[in-house]
Amino acid sequence: MAPIALAFAVLDATGSVGSLALVVGAHSLTGILCLLFGGVPADRLPRGPLLVEEPMPG
């Protein structure tokens, strides 16, 4: 639901489809980079210390 709300917020604020493409592209790119760089330690390190180090969402 967040990408849809983000799209409407950008369109409402700017009215520009180019701005929408830039924001959605940046949002997607950050998600992909976090998955790639977060997956390496998750695969190679033991699970216990990783779970202790990660903050709980709140």
C-alpha atoms as a PDB file:
ATOM      1  CA  MET A   1       0.000   0.000   0.000  1.00  0.00           C
ATOM      2  CA  ALA A   2       2.913   2.387   0.641  1.00  0.00           C
ATOM      3  CA  PRO A   3       3.996   2.663  -3.034  1.00  0.00           C
ATOM      4  CA  ILE A   4       0.439   3.550  -4.018  1.00  0.00           C
ATOM      5  CA  ALA A   5       0.226   6.222  -1.316  1.00  0.00           C
ATOM      6  CA  LEU A   6       3.646   7.504  -2.358  1.00  0.00           C
ATOM      7  CA  ALA A   7       2.517   7.755  -5.968  1.00  0.00           C
ATOM      8  CA  PHE A   8      -0.601   9.727  -5.071  1.00  0.00           C
ATOM      9  CA  ALA A   9       1.359  12.006  -2.735  1.00  0.00           C
ATOM     10  CA  VAL A  10       3.923  12.857  -5.416  1.00  0.00           C
ATOM     11  CA  LEU A  11       1.284  13.410  -8.066  1.00  0.00           C
ATOM     12  CA  ASP A  12      -0.719  15.604  -5.695  1.00  0.00           C
ATOM     13  CA  ALA A  13       2.329  17.635  -4.657  1.00  0.00           C
ATOM     14  CA  THR A  14       3.931  18.117  -8.075  1.00  0.00           C
ATOM     15  CA  GLY A  15       1.492  16.990 -10.756  1.00  0.00           C
ATOM     16  CA  SER A  16       4.469  15.768 -12.750  1.00  0.00           C
ATOM     17  CA  VAL A  17       4.758  12.244 -14.095  1.00  0.00           C
ATOM     18  CA  GLY A  18       8.538  12.687 -14.372  1.00  0.00           C
ATOM     19  CA  SER A  19       8.775  13.424 -10.657  1.00  0.00           C
ATOM     20  CA  LEU A  20       6.649  10.377  -9.955  1.00  0.00           C
ATOM     21  CA  ALA A  21       8.979   8.195 -12.024  1.00  0.00           C
ATOM     22  CA  LEU A  22      12.021   9.567 -10.215  1.00  0.00           C
ATOM     23  CA  VAL A  23      10.573   8.980  -6.747  1.00  0.00           C
ATOM     24  CA  VAL A  24       9.246   5.495  -7.505  1.00  0.00           C
ATOM     25  CA  GLY A  25      12.543   4.546  -9.151  1.00  0.00           C
ATOM     26  CA  ALA A  26      14.544   5.766  -6.153  1.00  0.00           C
ATOM     27  CA  HIS A  27      12.213   3.891  -3.803  1.00  0.00           C
ATOM     28  CA  SER A  28      12.617   0.678  -5.799  1.00  0.00           C
ATOM     29  CA  LEU A  29      16.385   1.052  -6.084  1.00  0.00           C
ATOM     30  CA  THR A  30      16.850   1.480  -2.338  1.00  0.00           C
ATOM     31  CA  GLY A  31      14.758  -1.616  -1.682  1.00  0.00           C
ATOM     32  CA  ILE A  32      16.796  -3.685  -4.128  1.00  0.00           C
ATOM     33  CA  LEU A  33      20.113  -2.466  -2.699  1.00  0.00           C
ATOM     34  CA  CYS A  34      19.028  -3.195   0.866  1.00  0.00           C
ATOM     35  CA  LEU A  35      17.954  -6.701  -0.126  1.00  0.00           C
ATOM     36  CA  LEU A  36      21.222  -7.399  -1.935  1.00  0.00           C
ATOM     37  CA  PHE A  37      23.530  -6.061   0.760  1.00  0.00           C
ATOM     38  CA  GLY A  38      21.424  -7.405   3.615  1.00  0.00           C
ATOM     39  CA  GLY A  39      21.189 -10.870   2.127  1.00  0.00           C
ATOM     40  CA  VAL A  40      24.934 -11.498   2.187  1.00  0.00           C
ATOM     41  CA  PRO A  41      25.335 -11.274   5.981  1.00  0.00           C
ATOM     42  CA  ALA A  42      22.044 -13.105   6.484  1.00  0.00           C
ATOM     43  CA  ASP A  43      23.315 -16.032   4.425  1.00  0.00           C
ATOM     44  CA  ARG A  44      26.873 -16.169   5.758  1.00  0.00           C
ATOM     45  CA  LEU A  45      26.617 -15.293   9.449  1.00  0.00           C
ATOM     46  CA  PRO A  46      24.883 -17.219  12.233  1.00  0.00           C
ATOM     47  CA  ARG A  47      21.311 -16.186  12.862  1.00  0.00           C
ATOM     48  CA  GLY A  48      21.563 -15.425  16.609  1.00  0.00           C
ATOM     49  CA  PRO A  49      23.972 -12.445  16.532  1.00  0.00           C
ATOM     50  CA  LEU A  50      22.157 -10.899  13.561  1.00  0.00           C
ATOM     51  CA  LEU A  51      18.831 -10.989  15.367  1.00  0.00           C
ATOM     52  CA  VAL A  52      20.355  -9.417  18.468  1.00  0.00           C
ATOM     53  CA  GLU A  53      21.972  -6.603  16.446  1.00  0.00           C
ATOM     54  CA  GLU A  54      18.915  -5.653  14.395  1.00  0.00           C
ATOM     55  CA  PRO A  55      16.544  -3.119  15.944  1.00  0.00           C
ATOM     56  CA  MET A  56      12.946  -4.172  16.309  1.00  0.00           C
ATOM     57  CA  PRO A  57      10.457  -2.205  14.192  1.00  0.00           C
ATOM     58  CA  GLY A  58       8.205  -0.147  16.322  1.00  0.00           C
END
